Structures are given as C-alpha cells and as structure tokens.
C-alpha cells in the first residue's frame, strides 16, 4: 500500500529536483506541496480542534458537576457536543488519512533509488556491484549508495538511463550522510534544528490552543502538553542522529511549515468560532 503511495510521490520529487537542481530545496518544496495537498483535510481537522478548545470551559464544568457519575457525565458531554455542533471524529479522521501519506513521503526520501530514480531491484544491485557497495537491510542503504553514485557517476551511468547524478550537498552538508553522536561535525546541525523546530511547533500550537480555550485547560491536558514539550523534541533529536540528514531536512521543513500553517489557520478560522460563541 505504501509503495502505491510512494511511487507517484517519487515522480513528483524527481520533477521538482529537475526543475530546481538542488536536493535540499527539493525536499522543502516537496514538504510544501504535501502540505498544500493535505490542506483541505487540515482545515477540517483544525476546525474540529478549535471547536474542542472552545468548549473546554463547559467541559470542565461538566466534569466538576458529574465527574463521579461516569454515565451521566458521558450523556452530558454528548449533549454538549450536539448543542455546540462539535464532532470528535471530524478531527481524528483527517489525521488518520494523512498518516499513510506521510509514510509514503518518508519512503521517497529514504529509498531514492526505488522511488526517486525508479530503478528496478536488479538495476540497484548492478549499481551496488559496480561500486563495490554492500547493500544492507537497514533504512540508510539506498541513500548511502545514492550519495556514492554522485561521486562515481561515470562508472554506473550506463547501467540505466534513469540514473541521475544527484548532488546531495546542501549548504555544505551531505544529506546522504547520517549524523553520529560519536563524531562532532556540521551534520549535528540537522538533528539540533529538527529538535528546536519541533519544540517551536509544540510551543506555538499550545499557546494558540490556550488562547482559544480562554486559558482554561483540564489537568490531564496540561500534563499531556508538558510531556509533548519534552518528548517530541527528544524524539526528533534522537531520530535525527540515526537517520540520513535528508530526512532531517524534511522534518525541519515540515515543522516550520506546520508552525506557519497553525498560525495562519488559527487566525482565519478562530474568528468565526468566536462569533458563534457570542450568538
């Protein structure tokens, strides 16, 4: 299933690269295009999230009043949803749909020979043999080989007319390489920026949600938000050190685009919700 999604995305990524001629910029434009394609679903999800945040004060009132009677509390919550026109599924469904799409994008970047250059398994093996490269079974094998192909293009260009001489250098950083905790170098910038932009997104998102809810949040939500401040940047930092830098560039781009998207959509969608609340 993911291969079906990743294959057309690979053609798009190749088209973007041939258009701009820069792999790092191609990843950013790829992330931007993905955001635009998912925008209708994102808007629907954001509307639902705003609705949920808007009724937080009323939810807390119900919890204080009926918290000990779970059945009564559930009935009153459903009644509140019906009266306010709020649907929990409206926010969850778009996010579930975006998951396989995000994984498809991951496949394109982590397996550039299969999805970016559209090489067959036999052609990939032939390239690896020509360059004396041992193909492992991990997720860095293809992008590692792709970086080597650029340096030895004359040796493998005749294997297939689909082979591209892709320069993975971006602002002095080799996006085909993987940062390492053991070796301090310029590659460390990628996981660090990935963690910082992840924190920035969590911070901005939670600030906006508090504003919508009138700075009223239940203790469970506050605890979860506190964990997100730590967990998401920590995970971004960790994966940034074990995955190729090209994927880190995608995460950084995606985080920055999500920050911009969160601010813009909240500004555009929150005012109608405020008016609805005052009616």
Protein backbone atom coordinates (compact mmCIF):
# COMPACT_ATOMS: atom_id res chain seq x y z
CA UNK A 1 0.00 0.00 0.00
CA UNK A 2 2.76 2.44 0.93
CA UNK A 3 4.57 1.60 -2.30
CA UNK A 4 1.47 2.62 -4.26
CA UNK A 5 1.51 5.98 -2.47
CA UNK A 6 5.28 6.47 -2.66
CA UNK A 7 5.62 5.74 -6.39
CA UNK A 8 3.72 8.81 -7.70
CA UNK A 9 5.34 10.94 -4.99
CA UNK A 10 8.71 9.77 -6.30
CA UNK A 11 7.85 11.09 -9.77
CA UNK A 12 6.86 14.42 -8.23
CA UNK A 13 10.09 14.62 -6.23
CA UNK A 14 12.11 13.88 -9.37
CA UNK A 15 10.23 16.56 -11.31
CA UNK A 16 10.92 19.13 -8.58
CA UNK A 17 14.62 18.25 -8.48
CA UNK A 18 14.96 18.50 -12.26
CA UNK A 19 13.23 21.88 -12.04
CA UNK A 20 15.33 23.47 -9.26
CA UNK A 21 18.51 21.34 -9.40
CA UNK A 22 19.02 21.38 -5.62
CA UNK A 23 18.21 18.34 -3.47
CA UNK A 24 17.77 20.22 -0.19
CA UNK A 25 15.48 22.79 -1.79
CA UNK A 26 13.60 19.95 -3.50
CA UNK A 27 12.85 18.38 -0.11
CA UNK A 28 11.49 21.68 1.20
CA UNK A 29 9.31 22.21 -1.88
CA UNK A 30 8.20 18.59 -1.61
CA UNK A 31 7.11 19.17 2.00
CA UNK A 32 5.34 22.38 0.93
CA UNK A 33 3.48 20.58 -1.85
CA UNK A 34 2.42 17.84 0.57
CA UNK A 35 1.04 20.47 2.94
CA UNK A 36 -0.93 22.06 0.10
CA UNK A 37 -2.34 18.70 -0.98
CA UNK A 38 -3.43 17.95 2.59
CA UNK A 39 -4.74 21.46 3.24
CA UNK A 40 -8.48 20.63 2.87
CA UNK A 41 -8.13 17.82 5.44
CA UNK A 42 -6.01 20.02 7.68
CA UNK A 43 -8.61 22.80 7.64
CA UNK A 44 -11.34 20.32 8.58
CA UNK A 45 -9.21 18.95 11.41
CA UNK A 46 -8.28 22.45 12.63
CA UNK A 47 -11.94 23.50 12.72
CA UNK A 48 -12.72 20.48 14.89
CA UNK A 49 -9.78 21.23 17.21
CA UNK A 50 -10.91 24.83 17.60
CA UNK A 51 -14.40 23.61 18.48
CA UNK A 52 -12.96 21.26 21.10
CA UNK A 53 -10.82 24.01 22.62
CA UNK A 54 -13.71 26.48 22.56
CA UNK A 55 -15.92 24.26 24.73
CA UNK A 56 -13.16 23.39 27.24
CA UNK A 57 -14.62 25.68 29.96
CA UNK A 58 -18.01 23.96 29.64
CA UNK A 59 -16.33 20.54 29.66
CA UNK A 60 -14.61 21.39 32.94
CA UNK A 61 -17.93 22.50 34.43
CA UNK A 62 -19.49 19.16 33.49
CA UNK A 63 -16.53 17.29 34.93
CA UNK A 64 -16.85 19.11 38.26
CA UNK A 65 -20.61 18.53 38.36
CA UNK A 66 -20.91 14.96 37.06
CA UNK A 67 -17.34 13.61 37.30
CA UNK A 68 -18.25 10.96 39.86
CA UNK A 69 -21.12 9.63 37.75
CA UNK A 70 -19.44 8.42 34.55
CA UNK A 71 -22.62 7.50 32.74
CA UNK A 72 -24.26 10.84 33.50
CA UNK A 73 -21.07 12.67 32.59
CA UNK A 74 -20.87 10.87 29.24
CA UNK A 75 -24.50 11.72 28.49
CA UNK A 76 -23.97 15.40 29.32
CA UNK A 77 -20.77 15.55 27.22
CA UNK A 78 -22.60 14.08 24.23
CA UNK A 79 -25.41 16.54 24.78
CA UNK A 80 -22.87 19.38 24.83
CA UNK A 81 -21.32 18.13 21.57
CA UNK A 82 -24.75 18.03 19.92
CA UNK A 83 -25.70 21.50 21.13
CA UNK A 84 -22.40 23.05 20.07
CA UNK A 85 -22.18 21.16 16.78
CA UNK A 86 -18.87 19.54 17.75
CA UNK A 87 -17.71 16.23 16.33
CA UNK A 88 -14.68 14.39 17.70
CA UNK A 89 -14.37 12.18 14.61
CA UNK A 90 -14.08 15.25 12.37
CA UNK A 91 -10.71 15.98 13.92
CA UNK A 92 -9.40 12.41 14.09
CA UNK A 93 -10.31 11.13 10.62
CA UNK A 94 -8.21 13.63 8.61
CA UNK A 95 -5.19 12.87 10.79
CA UNK A 96 -5.61 9.12 10.21
CA UNK A 97 -5.78 9.71 6.46
CA UNK A 98 -2.57 11.76 6.49
CA UNK A 99 -0.56 9.00 8.21
CA UNK A 100 -0.05 6.73 5.15
CA UNK A 101 0.68 9.81 3.06
CA UNK A 102 3.41 10.89 5.49
CA UNK A 103 4.90 7.38 5.42
CA UNK A 104 4.82 7.49 1.62
CA UNK A 105 6.86 10.70 1.70
CA UNK A 106 9.31 9.04 4.08
CA UNK A 107 9.78 6.18 1.61
CA UNK A 108 10.61 8.58 -1.22
CA UNK A 109 13.37 10.26 0.75
CA UNK A 110 14.80 7.15 2.42
CA UNK A 111 14.72 4.98 -0.74
CA UNK A 112 15.68 7.36 -3.55
CA UNK A 113 16.85 4.64 -5.96
CA UNK A 114 13.49 2.88 -5.93
CA UNK A 115 11.10 5.83 -5.80
CA UNK A 116 13.13 8.87 -6.90
CA UNK A 117 15.09 7.31 -9.77
CA UNK A 118 12.57 4.46 -10.33
CA UNK A 119 15.33 1.83 -10.64
CA UNK A 120 14.45 -1.85 -10.51
CA UNK A 121 15.91 -4.19 -7.88
CA UNK A 122 18.27 -5.70 -10.50
CA UNK A 123 19.48 -2.24 -11.54
CA UNK A 124 20.12 -1.27 -7.92
CA UNK A 125 22.10 -4.47 -7.40
CA UNK A 126 24.11 -3.78 -10.57
CA UNK A 127 24.95 -0.27 -9.34
CA UNK A 128 25.98 -1.58 -5.93
CA UNK A 129 28.21 -4.24 -7.50
CA UNK A 130 29.83 -1.71 -9.83
CA UNK A 131 30.75 0.47 -6.85
CA UNK A 132 31.66 -2.44 -4.53
CA UNK A 133 28.94 -1.27 -2.16
CA UNK A 134 27.42 -3.74 0.29
CA UNK A 135 23.65 -3.27 0.44
CA UNK A 136 22.43 -3.79 3.98
CA UNK A 137 18.85 -4.28 5.05
CA UNK A 138 18.58 -1.05 7.04
CA UNK A 139 16.82 2.16 6.02
CA UNK A 140 20.07 4.01 5.14
CA UNK A 141 21.30 1.57 2.48
CA UNK A 142 19.80 3.22 -0.58
CA UNK A 143 20.51 6.81 0.31
CA UNK A 144 24.08 5.85 1.19
CA UNK A 145 24.52 4.27 -2.23
CA UNK A 146 22.90 7.27 -3.90
CA UNK A 147 25.50 9.56 -2.33
CA UNK A 148 28.28 7.31 -3.63
CA UNK A 149 26.75 7.30 -7.12
CA UNK A 150 27.23 11.06 -7.46
CA UNK A 151 30.97 10.72 -6.87
CA UNK A 152 31.36 7.84 -9.35
CA UNK A 153 28.73 8.67 -11.96
CA UNK A 154 30.89 7.65 -14.93
CA UNK A 155 31.15 4.11 -13.61
CA UNK A 156 27.39 3.49 -13.37
CA UNK A 157 25.71 5.87 -15.85
CA UNK A 158 25.47 3.15 -18.50
CA UNK A 159 23.52 0.73 -16.29
CA UNK A 160 20.23 2.57 -16.79
CA UNK A 161 19.07 5.77 -18.46
CA UNK A 162 17.02 6.51 -15.33
CA UNK A 163 20.14 7.02 -13.20
CA UNK A 164 20.60 10.64 -12.14
CA UNK A 165 23.70 12.43 -10.93
CA UNK A 166 22.15 13.85 -7.78
CA UNK A 167 24.27 16.22 -5.70
CA UNK A 168 23.27 15.67 -2.07
CA UNK A 169 25.34 18.62 -0.85
CA UNK A 170 23.17 21.34 0.71
CA UNK A 171 24.75 24.38 2.37
CA UNK A 172 27.92 22.38 2.92
CA UNK A 173 26.08 19.38 4.41
CA UNK A 174 25.94 15.95 2.78
CA UNK A 175 22.25 15.00 3.01
CA UNK A 176 23.07 11.38 2.15
CA UNK A 177 25.20 11.04 5.29
CA UNK A 178 23.94 10.15 8.77
CA UNK A 179 24.89 12.25 11.82
CA UNK A 180 26.66 10.42 14.62
CA UNK A 181 26.87 11.01 18.37
CA UNK A 182 30.49 9.84 18.18
CA UNK A 183 31.72 12.35 15.60
CA UNK A 184 31.06 16.07 16.09
CA UNK A 185 30.74 17.79 12.72
CA UNK A 186 28.48 20.01 10.63
CA UNK A 187 25.87 17.24 10.38
CA UNK A 188 24.93 17.87 14.02
CA UNK A 189 23.08 21.00 12.87
CA UNK A 190 20.35 18.84 11.32
CA UNK A 191 19.12 16.92 14.41
CA UNK A 192 19.54 20.01 16.60
CA UNK A 193 17.42 22.14 14.27
CA UNK A 194 14.93 19.28 13.99
CA UNK A 195 14.53 19.23 17.79
CA UNK A 196 14.32 23.03 18.07
CA UNK A 197 11.70 23.37 15.33
CA UNK A 198 9.71 20.52 16.88
CA UNK A 199 9.73 22.38 20.22
CA UNK A 200 8.75 25.60 18.44
CA UNK A 201 5.74 23.92 16.85
CA UNK A 202 4.60 22.42 20.18
CA UNK A 203 5.05 25.78 21.93
CA UNK A 204 3.16 27.81 19.30
CA UNK A 205 0.39 25.22 18.96
CA UNK A 206 -0.25 25.01 22.69
CA UNK A 207 -0.17 28.80 23.11
CA UNK A 208 -2.81 29.17 20.41
CA UNK A 209 -4.96 26.40 21.89
CA UNK A 210 -4.87 28.09 25.31
CA UNK A 211 -5.95 31.35 23.71
CA UNK A 212 -8.92 29.65 22.04
CA UNK A 213 -9.90 27.92 25.30
CA UNK A 214 -9.58 31.18 27.26
CA UNK A 215 -6.50 29.82 29.09
CA UNK A 216 -8.72 27.09 30.56
CA UNK A 217 -7.41 23.52 30.30
CA UNK A 218 -8.09 20.45 32.35
CA UNK A 219 -5.19 18.95 34.36
CA UNK A 220 -4.94 15.93 32.06
CA UNK A 221 -4.47 18.14 29.00
CA UNK A 222 -1.89 20.26 30.81
CA UNK A 223 0.06 17.16 31.82
CA UNK A 224 -0.03 15.83 28.26
CA UNK A 225 1.15 19.17 26.89
CA UNK A 226 4.04 19.18 29.33
CA UNK A 227 5.11 15.74 28.11
CA UNK A 228 4.85 16.88 24.48
CA UNK A 229 7.30 19.73 25.18
CA UNK A 230 9.90 17.13 26.12
CA UNK A 231 9.04 14.00 24.13
CA UNK A 232 8.62 15.43 20.63
CA UNK A 233 11.91 17.40 20.53
CA UNK A 234 13.72 14.48 22.20
CA UNK A 235 12.40 12.05 19.59
CA UNK A 236 13.30 14.46 16.78
CA UNK A 237 16.83 14.78 18.18
CA UNK A 238 17.26 11.01 18.52
CA UNK A 239 15.94 10.09 15.08
CA UNK A 240 17.95 12.94 13.59
CA UNK A 241 21.09 11.15 14.73
CA UNK A 242 20.19 7.70 13.39
CA UNK A 243 18.63 8.63 10.03
CA UNK A 244 20.14 10.28 6.93
CA UNK A 245 20.35 14.07 7.02
CA UNK A 246 17.95 14.32 4.07
CA UNK A 247 15.15 13.08 6.30
CA UNK A 248 16.16 15.63 8.92
CA UNK A 249 15.78 18.39 6.34
CA UNK A 250 12.29 17.11 5.61
CA UNK A 251 11.35 17.15 9.32
CA UNK A 252 12.75 20.67 9.77
CA UNK A 253 10.84 21.86 6.71
CA UNK A 254 7.68 20.12 7.87
CA UNK A 255 7.94 21.61 11.38
CA UNK A 256 8.40 25.15 10.06
CA UNK A 257 5.52 24.75 7.63
CA UNK A 258 3.29 23.41 10.43
CA UNK A 259 4.13 26.47 12.56
CA UNK A 260 3.14 28.80 9.73
CA UNK A 261 0.04 26.70 8.99
CA UNK A 262 -1.03 26.69 12.64
CA UNK A 263 -0.73 30.47 12.99
CA UNK A 264 -2.49 31.25 9.70
CA UNK A 265 -5.35 28.76 10.10
CA UNK A 266 -5.99 29.78 13.71
CA UNK A 267 -6.18 33.42 12.65
CA UNK A 268 -8.54 32.63 9.77
CA UNK A 269 -10.76 30.04 11.45
CA UNK A 270 -10.93 31.22 15.05
CA UNK A 271 -12.89 34.45 14.40
CA UNK A 272 -15.98 32.64 13.03
CA UNK A 273 -15.89 30.38 16.08
CA UNK A 274 -15.73 33.42 18.38
CA UNK A 275 -18.77 34.92 16.66
CA UNK A 276 -20.57 31.59 17.01
CA UNK A 277 -19.82 31.56 20.72
CA UNK A 278 -21.26 35.06 21.20
CA UNK A 279 -24.52 34.30 19.37
